Amino acid sequence: MLIDQSYFVGEILVPNLTGVGPIPAGNVEELNRFIVKYEPDYLDEVLGSGLSEAFQAGVSIATPEQRWIDLKAKLLNATRKESPIAGYVYYHIYRDRLSTSSGLGEIESAAENANVVLNTDKMMRAYNDAVRKGRAAFEWVKTNSTSYPEFDLTHCFKLSTVNTFGI
């Protein structure tokens, strides 16, 4: 995994990830499940499956080649803990939380002594930022395709921005 729970701060905060006990542990476990699912999905969308696979293998070794370090820098800033991957994962976490599956069908949570508000605006901003930064990384790879023979020049960038209605 390129990102971890430390990337979910500020505008894309996922609460209750620190501390001791079953709630933080469960939240971290759930977040990690989403990262494991959606990080490779995002990389496949942005880079194409061939380059995505080669990149993930290339950055996972002890001393990655410079081309993998350069590409990684286009996809995350480890110092500032910023990555479009985190925005993409955040969107999917909160899209999943909009309702809960039950034996009766999909249900919405109701809070006692609080008002539940939809965070679709924050979800939209996180997703759209992931799309814009993903497109920038895609264009950079196309420009530098001689360094990335694994890149399929016929791969099209298909992610598109959404509005607050999720369309």
N, C-alpha and C. Protein backbone atom coordinates (compact mmCIF):
# COMPACT_ATOMS: atom_id res chain seq x y z
N MET A 1 0.84 -1.18 0.00
CA MET A 1 0.00 0.00 0.00
C MET A 1 0.89 1.25 0.00
N LEU A 2 0.53 2.19 -0.83
CA LEU A 2 1.27 3.45 -0.89
C LEU A 2 0.83 4.41 0.20
N ILE A 3 -0.46 4.38 0.52
CA ILE A 3 -0.98 5.28 1.55
C ILE A 3 -1.40 4.47 2.77
N ASP A 4 -1.58 5.18 3.87
CA ASP A 4 -2.06 4.56 5.09
C ASP A 4 -2.98 5.56 5.80
N GLN A 5 -3.35 5.28 7.02
CA GLN A 5 -4.31 6.11 7.74
C GLN A 5 -3.82 7.54 7.95
N SER A 6 -2.52 7.77 7.89
CA SER A 6 -1.99 9.11 8.12
C SER A 6 -2.35 10.09 7.00
N TYR A 7 -2.84 9.61 5.87
CA TYR A 7 -3.24 10.46 4.76
C TYR A 7 -4.67 10.99 4.90
N PHE A 8 -5.41 10.50 5.87
CA PHE A 8 -6.81 10.86 6.02
C PHE A 8 -6.97 11.91 7.12
N VAL A 9 -6.51 13.10 6.80
CA VAL A 9 -6.55 14.24 7.72
C VAL A 9 -7.12 15.45 7.00
N GLY A 10 -7.40 16.48 7.76
CA GLY A 10 -7.89 17.72 7.16
C GLY A 10 -9.24 17.53 6.53
N GLU A 11 -9.38 17.94 5.29
CA GLU A 11 -10.66 17.89 4.61
C GLU A 11 -11.15 16.46 4.37
N ILE A 12 -10.24 15.50 4.33
CA ILE A 12 -10.66 14.10 4.13
C ILE A 12 -10.43 13.27 5.40
N LEU A 13 -10.72 13.88 6.53
CA LEU A 13 -10.56 13.21 7.82
C LEU A 13 -11.48 12.00 7.94
N VAL A 14 -10.89 10.90 8.34
CA VAL A 14 -11.66 9.73 8.75
C VAL A 14 -11.44 9.65 10.26
N PRO A 15 -12.49 9.90 11.05
CA PRO A 15 -12.31 10.00 12.50
C PRO A 15 -12.12 8.65 13.19
N ASN A 16 -11.66 8.75 14.43
CA ASN A 16 -11.54 7.62 15.35
C ASN A 16 -10.62 6.52 14.82
N LEU A 17 -9.44 6.92 14.36
CA LEU A 17 -8.46 5.94 13.88
C LEU A 17 -7.34 5.72 14.89
N THR A 18 -7.28 6.55 15.92
CA THR A 18 -6.21 6.42 16.91
C THR A 18 -6.80 6.10 18.27
N GLY A 19 -5.97 5.59 19.12
CA GLY A 19 -6.39 5.24 20.47
C GLY A 19 -6.40 3.74 20.65
N VAL A 20 -6.82 3.34 21.83
CA VAL A 20 -6.85 1.92 22.18
C VAL A 20 -8.29 1.49 22.31
N GLY A 21 -8.58 0.31 21.85
CA GLY A 21 -9.92 -0.22 22.00
C GLY A 21 -10.49 -0.72 20.70
N PRO A 22 -11.68 -1.29 20.79
CA PRO A 22 -12.27 -1.91 19.61
C PRO A 22 -12.73 -0.92 18.53
N ILE A 23 -13.13 0.29 18.91
CA ILE A 23 -13.62 1.24 17.91
C ILE A 23 -12.49 1.72 17.00
N PRO A 24 -11.38 2.26 17.54
CA PRO A 24 -10.29 2.65 16.64
C PRO A 24 -9.73 1.47 15.85
N ALA A 25 -9.59 0.33 16.49
CA ALA A 25 -9.05 -0.85 15.80
C ALA A 25 -9.97 -1.26 14.65
N GLY A 26 -11.27 -1.25 14.87
CA GLY A 26 -12.23 -1.59 13.83
C GLY A 26 -12.23 -0.57 12.70
N ASN A 27 -12.12 0.71 13.05
CA ASN A 27 -12.09 1.76 12.04
C ASN A 27 -10.84 1.66 11.17
N VAL A 28 -9.70 1.38 11.79
CA VAL A 28 -8.45 1.23 11.03
C VAL A 28 -8.56 0.00 10.12
N GLU A 29 -9.12 -1.07 10.63
CA GLU A 29 -9.29 -2.28 9.82
C GLU A 29 -10.20 -2.01 8.62
N GLU A 30 -11.30 -1.29 8.85
CA GLU A 30 -12.21 -0.95 7.75
C GLU A 30 -11.51 -0.05 6.73
N LEU A 31 -10.79 0.96 7.21
CA LEU A 31 -10.06 1.86 6.31
C LEU A 31 -9.05 1.08 5.48
N ASN A 32 -8.32 0.18 6.11
CA ASN A 32 -7.33 -0.61 5.38
C ASN A 32 -7.97 -1.49 4.31
N ARG A 33 -9.17 -2.02 4.59
CA ARG A 33 -9.89 -2.80 3.57
C ARG A 33 -10.21 -1.93 2.35
N PHE A 34 -10.62 -0.69 2.60
CA PHE A 34 -10.92 0.21 1.49
C PHE A 34 -9.66 0.60 0.73
N ILE A 35 -8.56 0.82 1.45
CA ILE A 35 -7.30 1.15 0.78
C ILE A 35 -6.86 -0.02 -0.09
N VAL A 36 -6.90 -1.23 0.44
CA VAL A 36 -6.48 -2.41 -0.30
C VAL A 36 -7.34 -2.59 -1.56
N LYS A 37 -8.61 -2.24 -1.49
CA LYS A 37 -9.49 -2.39 -2.65
C LYS A 37 -9.34 -1.25 -3.65
N TYR A 38 -9.35 -0.01 -3.16
CA TYR A 38 -9.45 1.13 -4.07
C TYR A 38 -8.13 1.75 -4.50
N GLU A 39 -7.04 1.53 -3.76
CA GLU A 39 -5.75 2.04 -4.22
C GLU A 39 -5.35 1.39 -5.55
N PRO A 40 -5.37 0.06 -5.67
CA PRO A 40 -5.03 -0.53 -6.97
C PRO A 40 -6.03 -0.15 -8.06
N ASP A 41 -7.29 -0.01 -7.70
CA ASP A 41 -8.31 0.40 -8.65
C ASP A 41 -7.98 1.77 -9.23
N TYR A 42 -7.61 2.70 -8.37
CA TYR A 42 -7.24 4.05 -8.81
C TYR A 42 -6.01 4.01 -9.71
N LEU A 43 -5.01 3.26 -9.29
CA LEU A 43 -3.78 3.16 -10.09
C LEU A 43 -4.05 2.55 -11.46
N ASP A 44 -4.93 1.55 -11.51
CA ASP A 44 -5.30 0.96 -12.80
C ASP A 44 -6.01 1.98 -13.69
N GLU A 45 -6.90 2.77 -13.09
CA GLU A 45 -7.62 3.79 -13.86
C GLU A 45 -6.67 4.85 -14.41
N VAL A 46 -5.73 5.27 -13.59
CA VAL A 46 -4.82 6.35 -13.99
C VAL A 46 -3.71 5.85 -14.91
N LEU A 47 -3.10 4.74 -14.56
CA LEU A 47 -1.90 4.27 -15.25
C LEU A 47 -2.15 3.17 -16.26
N GLY A 48 -3.30 2.55 -16.20
CA GLY A 48 -3.54 1.35 -16.98
C GLY A 48 -3.02 0.15 -16.21
N SER A 49 -3.59 -1.01 -16.44
CA SER A 49 -3.26 -2.17 -15.60
C SER A 49 -1.81 -2.61 -15.71
N GLY A 50 -1.22 -2.57 -16.90
CA GLY A 50 0.17 -3.01 -17.06
C GLY A 50 1.16 -2.15 -16.29
N LEU A 51 1.05 -0.84 -16.46
CA LEU A 51 1.96 0.08 -15.76
C LEU A 51 1.65 0.08 -14.27
N SER A 52 0.38 -0.01 -13.91
CA SER A 52 -0.01 -0.04 -12.49
C SER A 52 0.65 -1.22 -11.78
N GLU A 53 0.57 -2.38 -12.41
CA GLU A 53 1.17 -3.59 -11.83
C GLU A 53 2.69 -3.46 -11.71
N ALA A 54 3.33 -2.97 -12.76
CA ALA A 54 4.79 -2.80 -12.75
C ALA A 54 5.20 -1.76 -11.71
N PHE A 55 4.43 -0.68 -11.62
CA PHE A 55 4.72 0.37 -10.64
C PHE A 55 4.62 -0.15 -9.21
N GLN A 56 3.55 -0.85 -8.91
CA GLN A 56 3.37 -1.38 -7.55
C GLN A 56 4.49 -2.35 -7.18
N ALA A 57 4.90 -3.16 -8.13
CA ALA A 57 6.03 -4.08 -7.89
C ALA A 57 7.33 -3.28 -7.76
N GLY A 58 7.50 -2.27 -8.61
CA GLY A 58 8.73 -1.48 -8.61
C GLY A 58 8.97 -0.68 -7.36
N VAL A 59 7.89 -0.10 -6.79
CA VAL A 59 8.07 0.70 -5.57
C VAL A 59 8.14 -0.15 -4.31
N SER A 60 7.79 -1.42 -4.42
CA SER A 60 7.77 -2.26 -3.22
C SER A 60 9.14 -2.86 -2.87
N ILE A 61 10.11 -2.74 -3.77
CA ILE A 61 11.44 -3.29 -3.47
C ILE A 61 12.25 -2.29 -2.64
N ALA A 62 13.30 -2.78 -2.03
CA ALA A 62 14.11 -1.96 -1.11
C ALA A 62 14.69 -0.71 -1.79
N THR A 63 15.24 -0.87 -2.97
CA THR A 63 15.80 0.28 -3.69
C THR A 63 15.14 0.38 -5.07
N PRO A 64 14.02 1.12 -5.14
CA PRO A 64 13.31 1.24 -6.42
C PRO A 64 14.11 2.03 -7.45
N GLU A 65 13.84 1.75 -8.71
CA GLU A 65 14.46 2.51 -9.79
C GLU A 65 13.97 3.96 -9.71
N GLN A 66 14.76 4.86 -10.25
CA GLN A 66 14.42 6.28 -10.22
C GLN A 66 13.08 6.56 -10.91
N ARG A 67 12.78 5.83 -11.96
CA ARG A 67 11.52 6.07 -12.67
C ARG A 67 10.32 5.80 -11.78
N TRP A 68 10.43 4.81 -10.88
CA TRP A 68 9.32 4.52 -9.97
C TRP A 68 9.24 5.59 -8.89
N ILE A 69 10.38 6.07 -8.45
CA ILE A 69 10.40 7.16 -7.45
C ILE A 69 9.77 8.41 -8.05
N ASP A 70 10.09 8.71 -9.30
CA ASP A 70 9.52 9.88 -9.98
C ASP A 70 8.01 9.75 -10.14
N LEU A 71 7.55 8.57 -10.52
CA LEU A 71 6.11 8.36 -10.70
C LEU A 71 5.39 8.42 -9.35
N LYS A 72 6.01 7.85 -8.35
CA LYS A 72 5.41 7.89 -7.00
C LYS A 72 5.25 9.33 -6.54
N ALA A 73 6.21 10.18 -6.86
CA ALA A 73 6.14 11.59 -6.48
C ALA A 73 4.97 12.30 -7.15
N LYS A 74 4.51 11.80 -8.29
CA LYS A 74 3.35 12.38 -8.98
C LYS A 74 2.05 11.94 -8.32
N LEU A 75 2.11 10.86 -7.54
CA LEU A 75 0.90 10.30 -6.95
C LEU A 75 0.76 10.52 -5.44
N LEU A 76 1.85 10.92 -4.80
CA LEU A 76 1.72 11.23 -3.37
C LEU A 76 2.88 12.06 -2.88
N ASN A 77 2.59 12.83 -1.84
CA ASN A 77 3.61 13.61 -1.16
C ASN A 77 3.67 13.08 0.26
N ALA A 78 4.67 12.24 0.53
CA ALA A 78 4.77 11.59 1.84
C ALA A 78 5.06 12.57 2.96
N THR A 79 5.72 13.67 2.64
CA THR A 79 6.04 14.67 3.67
C THR A 79 4.79 15.38 4.14
N ARG A 80 3.97 15.82 3.19
CA ARG A 80 2.74 16.55 3.53
C ARG A 80 1.54 15.63 3.75
N LYS A 81 1.74 14.33 3.52
CA LYS A 81 0.67 13.34 3.66
C LYS A 81 -0.52 13.71 2.78
N GLU A 82 -0.24 13.92 1.49
CA GLU A 82 -1.27 14.24 0.52
C GLU A 82 -1.16 13.29 -0.66
N SER A 83 -2.30 12.82 -1.12
CA SER A 83 -2.34 11.95 -2.28
C SER A 83 -3.73 11.93 -2.87
N PRO A 84 -3.83 11.97 -4.19
CA PRO A 84 -5.15 11.82 -4.80
C PRO A 84 -5.74 10.44 -4.52
N ILE A 85 -4.89 9.47 -4.26
CA ILE A 85 -5.37 8.12 -3.92
C ILE A 85 -6.23 8.19 -2.67
N ALA A 86 -5.80 8.98 -1.68
CA ALA A 86 -6.56 9.11 -0.44
C ALA A 86 -7.93 9.73 -0.70
N GLY A 87 -7.99 10.72 -1.57
CA GLY A 87 -9.28 11.32 -1.91
C GLY A 87 -10.21 10.34 -2.58
N TYR A 88 -9.66 9.50 -3.44
CA TYR A 88 -10.43 8.47 -4.14
C TYR A 88 -10.96 7.46 -3.12
N VAL A 89 -10.11 7.03 -2.20
CA VAL A 89 -10.52 6.07 -1.16
C VAL A 89 -11.56 6.72 -0.25
N TYR A 90 -11.32 7.96 0.16
CA TYR A 90 -12.26 8.69 1.03
C TYR A 90 -13.66 8.71 0.41
N TYR A 91 -13.72 9.04 -0.87
CA TYR A 91 -15.01 9.08 -1.57
C TYR A 91 -15.72 7.74 -1.45
N HIS A 92 -15.00 6.65 -1.67
CA HIS A 92 -15.62 5.33 -1.64
C HIS A 92 -16.02 4.90 -0.23
N ILE A 93 -15.25 5.29 0.76
CA ILE A 93 -15.62 4.98 2.15
C ILE A 93 -16.94 5.65 2.49
N TYR A 94 -17.03 6.93 2.21
CA TYR A 94 -18.23 7.65 2.61
C TYR A 94 -19.41 7.37 1.69
N ARG A 95 -19.18 6.99 0.48
CA ARG A 95 -20.28 6.54 -0.38
C ARG A 95 -20.88 5.27 0.21
N ASP A 96 -20.01 4.40 0.71
CA ASP A 96 -20.47 3.15 1.33
C ASP A 96 -21.25 3.44 2.62
N ARG A 97 -20.87 4.47 3.32
CA ARG A 97 -21.51 4.78 4.61
C ARG A 97 -22.84 5.52 4.48
N LEU A 98 -23.21 5.91 3.27
CA LEU A 98 -24.48 6.64 3.10
C LEU A 98 -25.67 5.80 3.52
N SER A 99 -25.53 4.49 3.43
CA SER A 99 -26.60 3.60 3.90
C SER A 99 -25.96 2.31 4.40
N THR A 100 -26.76 1.52 5.10
CA THR A 100 -26.29 0.27 5.67
C THR A 100 -27.22 -0.84 5.19
N SER A 101 -26.65 -1.97 4.83
CA SER A 101 -27.46 -3.10 4.41
C SER A 101 -28.04 -3.80 5.63
N SER A 102 -29.31 -4.16 5.54
CA SER A 102 -29.96 -4.90 6.63
C SER A 102 -30.84 -5.97 6.00
N GLY A 103 -31.46 -6.77 6.83
CA GLY A 103 -32.39 -7.79 6.35
C GLY A 103 -33.61 -7.18 5.68
N LEU A 104 -33.88 -5.92 5.96
CA LEU A 104 -35.03 -5.23 5.38
C LEU A 104 -34.67 -4.48 4.10
N GLY A 105 -33.38 -4.38 3.80
CA GLY A 105 -32.91 -3.61 2.66
C GLY A 105 -31.91 -2.58 3.12
N GLU A 106 -31.73 -1.53 2.36
CA GLU A 106 -30.81 -0.46 2.73
C GLU A 106 -31.49 0.48 3.71
N ILE A 107 -30.77 0.85 4.77
CA ILE A 107 -31.31 1.76 5.78
C ILE A 107 -30.34 2.90 6.01
N GLU A 108 -30.86 4.03 6.47
CA GLU A 108 -30.04 5.17 6.83
C GLU A 108 -29.98 5.23 8.35
N SER A 109 -28.84 5.63 8.88
CA SER A 109 -28.69 5.76 10.32
C SER A 109 -29.40 7.02 10.81
N ALA A 110 -29.91 6.95 12.02
CA ALA A 110 -30.51 8.11 12.67
C ALA A 110 -29.75 8.34 13.97
N ALA A 111 -29.35 9.56 14.21
CA ALA A 111 -28.60 9.87 15.42
C ALA A 111 -29.54 10.45 16.47
N GLU A 112 -29.26 10.10 17.72
CA GLU A 112 -30.03 10.65 18.82
C GLU A 112 -29.29 11.88 19.33
N ASN A 113 -30.02 12.98 19.56
CA ASN A 113 -29.44 14.23 20.03
C ASN A 113 -28.43 14.83 19.06
N ALA A 114 -28.60 14.54 17.78
CA ALA A 114 -27.73 15.11 16.76
C ALA A 114 -28.45 15.05 15.42
N ASN A 115 -28.03 15.87 14.50
CA ASN A 115 -28.57 15.84 13.15
C ASN A 115 -27.54 15.22 12.22
N VAL A 116 -27.94 14.22 11.48
CA VAL A 116 -27.06 13.62 10.51
C VAL A 116 -27.15 14.46 9.24
N VAL A 117 -25.99 14.87 8.73
CA VAL A 117 -25.96 15.63 7.49
C VAL A 117 -25.15 14.85 6.47
N LEU A 118 -25.55 14.97 5.23
CA LEU A 118 -24.80 14.30 4.17
C LEU A 118 -23.55 15.10 3.85
N ASN A 119 -22.46 14.41 3.64
CA ASN A 119 -21.21 15.09 3.31
C ASN A 119 -20.89 14.95 1.83
N THR A 120 -21.93 14.97 1.01
CA THR A 120 -21.72 14.77 -0.42
C THR A 120 -20.85 15.86 -1.03
N ASP A 121 -20.88 17.06 -0.49
CA ASP A 121 -20.03 18.13 -1.01
C ASP A 121 -18.56 17.81 -0.76
N LYS A 122 -18.24 17.35 0.44
CA LYS A 122 -16.85 16.96 0.74
C LYS A 122 -16.44 15.75 -0.08
N MET A 123 -17.36 14.81 -0.24
CA MET A 123 -17.06 13.64 -1.06
C MET A 123 -16.75 14.06 -2.49
N MET A 124 -17.56 14.97 -3.03
CA MET A 124 -17.37 15.45 -4.40
C MET A 124 -16.02 16.14 -4.54
N ARG A 125 -15.66 17.00 -3.60
CA ARG A 125 -14.38 17.71 -3.69
C ARG A 125 -13.21 16.72 -3.64
N ALA A 126 -13.28 15.74 -2.74
CA ALA A 126 -12.21 14.75 -2.63
C ALA A 126 -12.08 13.94 -3.92
N TYR A 127 -13.20 13.50 -4.46
CA TYR A 127 -13.19 12.71 -5.70
C TYR A 127 -12.68 13.53 -6.88
N ASN A 128 -13.21 14.74 -7.02
CA ASN A 128 -12.80 15.58 -8.14
C ASN A 128 -11.33 15.95 -8.07
N ASP A 129 -10.82 16.17 -6.87
CA ASP A 129 -9.38 16.42 -6.71
C ASP A 129 -8.58 15.19 -7.16
N ALA A 130 -9.07 14.00 -6.79
CA ALA A 130 -8.40 12.76 -7.21
C ALA A 130 -8.42 12.63 -8.73
N VAL A 131 -9.52 13.02 -9.35
CA VAL A 131 -9.62 12.94 -10.81
C VAL A 131 -8.65 13.92 -11.46
N ARG A 132 -8.64 15.17 -11.00
CA ARG A 132 -7.76 16.18 -11.60
C ARG A 132 -6.28 15.80 -11.43
N LYS A 133 -5.90 15.38 -10.24
CA LYS A 133 -4.50 15.01 -10.00
C LYS A 133 -4.14 13.71 -10.72
N GLY A 134 -5.11 12.82 -10.84
CA GLY A 134 -4.88 11.59 -11.59
C GLY A 134 -4.65 11.89 -13.07
N ARG A 135 -5.44 12.83 -13.61
CA ARG A 135 -5.25 13.22 -15.01
C ARG A 135 -3.87 13.85 -15.21
N ALA A 136 -3.43 14.66 -14.25
CA ALA A 136 -2.10 15.27 -14.35
C ALA A 136 -1.02 14.19 -14.35
N ALA A 137 -1.16 13.18 -13.50
CA ALA A 137 -0.18 12.08 -13.47
C ALA A 137 -0.22 11.30 -14.78
N PHE A 138 -1.42 11.04 -15.29
CA PHE A 138 -1.60 10.34 -16.56
C PHE A 138 -0.92 11.10 -17.69
N GLU A 139 -1.13 12.40 -17.76
CA GLU A 139 -0.51 13.22 -18.81
C GLU A 139 1.01 13.23 -18.67
N TRP A 140 1.50 13.26 -17.43
CA TRP A 140 2.94 13.22 -17.19
C TRP A 140 3.53 11.90 -17.69
N VAL A 141 2.83 10.80 -17.41
CA VAL A 141 3.31 9.49 -17.87
C VAL A 141 3.31 9.45 -19.40
N LYS A 142 2.25 9.97 -20.03
CA LYS A 142 2.21 10.00 -21.50
C LYS A 142 3.40 10.78 -22.06
N THR A 143 3.69 11.92 -21.44
CA THR A 143 4.81 12.74 -21.88
C THR A 143 6.15 12.02 -21.70
N ASN A 144 6.25 11.21 -20.66
CA ASN A 144 7.48 10.49 -20.33
C ASN A 144 7.37 9.01 -20.64
N SER A 145 6.57 8.65 -21.62
CA SER A 145 6.28 7.24 -21.90
C SER A 145 7.52 6.43 -22.29
N THR A 146 8.57 7.08 -22.76
CA THR A 146 9.78 6.33 -23.10
C THR A 146 10.42 5.71 -21.85
N SER A 147 10.18 6.32 -20.69
CA SER A 147 10.70 5.77 -19.43
C SER A 147 9.81 4.67 -18.88
N TYR A 148 8.61 4.54 -19.44
CA TYR A 148 7.63 3.58 -18.93
C TYR A 148 7.12 2.70 -20.07
N PRO A 149 7.94 1.76 -20.53
CA PRO A 149 7.50 0.91 -21.65
C PRO A 149 6.27 0.06 -21.29
N GLU A 150 5.97 -0.08 -20.01
CA GLU A 150 4.80 -0.85 -19.57
C GLU A 150 3.51 -0.08 -19.82
N PHE A 151 3.62 1.21 -20.11
CA PHE A 151 2.44 2.05 -20.33
C PHE A 151 1.84 1.75 -21.70
N ASP A 152 0.57 1.45 -21.70
CA ASP A 152 -0.17 1.17 -22.94
C ASP A 152 -0.62 2.51 -23.51
N LEU A 153 -0.04 2.90 -24.63
CA LEU A 153 -0.35 4.20 -25.23
C LEU A 153 -1.81 4.30 -25.69
N THR A 154 -2.50 3.18 -25.76
CA THR A 154 -3.92 3.23 -26.12
C THR A 154 -4.81 3.38 -24.90
N HIS A 155 -4.21 3.35 -23.69
CA HIS A 155 -4.99 3.49 -22.46
C HIS A 155 -5.60 4.89 -22.40
N CYS A 156 -6.87 4.95 -22.17
CA CYS A 156 -7.58 6.23 -22.07
C CYS A 156 -7.90 6.53 -20.61
N PHE A 157 -7.77 7.77 -20.24
CA PHE A 157 -8.12 8.21 -18.90
C PHE A 157 -9.64 8.36 -18.86
N LYS A 158 -10.32 7.54 -18.07
CA LYS A 158 -11.78 7.52 -18.08
C LYS A 158 -12.44 8.13 -16.86
N LEU A 159 -11.66 8.42 -15.83
CA LEU A 159 -12.28 9.03 -14.64
C LEU A 159 -12.78 10.42 -15.01
N SER A 160 -13.94 10.76 -14.51
CA SER A 160 -14.47 12.11 -14.74
C SER A 160 -15.04 12.65 -13.44
N THR A 161 -15.08 13.95 -13.34
CA THR A 161 -15.56 14.57 -12.12
C THR A 161 -17.05 14.29 -11.93
N VAL A 162 -17.50 14.46 -10.69
CA VAL A 162 -18.90 14.28 -10.33
C VAL A 162 -19.43 15.56 -9.73
N ASN A 163 -20.73 15.65 -9.62
CA ASN A 163 -21.34 16.77 -8.91
C ASN A 163 -21.84 16.29 -7.56
N THR A 164 -22.50 17.14 -6.79
CA THR A 164 -22.92 16.74 -5.44
C THR A 164 -23.96 15.65 -5.45
N PHE A 165 -24.53 15.36 -6.60
CA PHE A 165 -25.50 14.26 -6.70
C PHE A 165 -24.82 12.95 -7.04
N GLY A 166 -23.49 12.98 -7.19
CA GLY A 166 -22.73 11.78 -7.49
C GLY A 166 -22.79 11.37 -8.95
N ILE A 167 -23.16 12.29 -9.82
CA ILE A 167 -23.24 11.95 -11.25
C ILE A 167 -22.37 12.90 -12.07
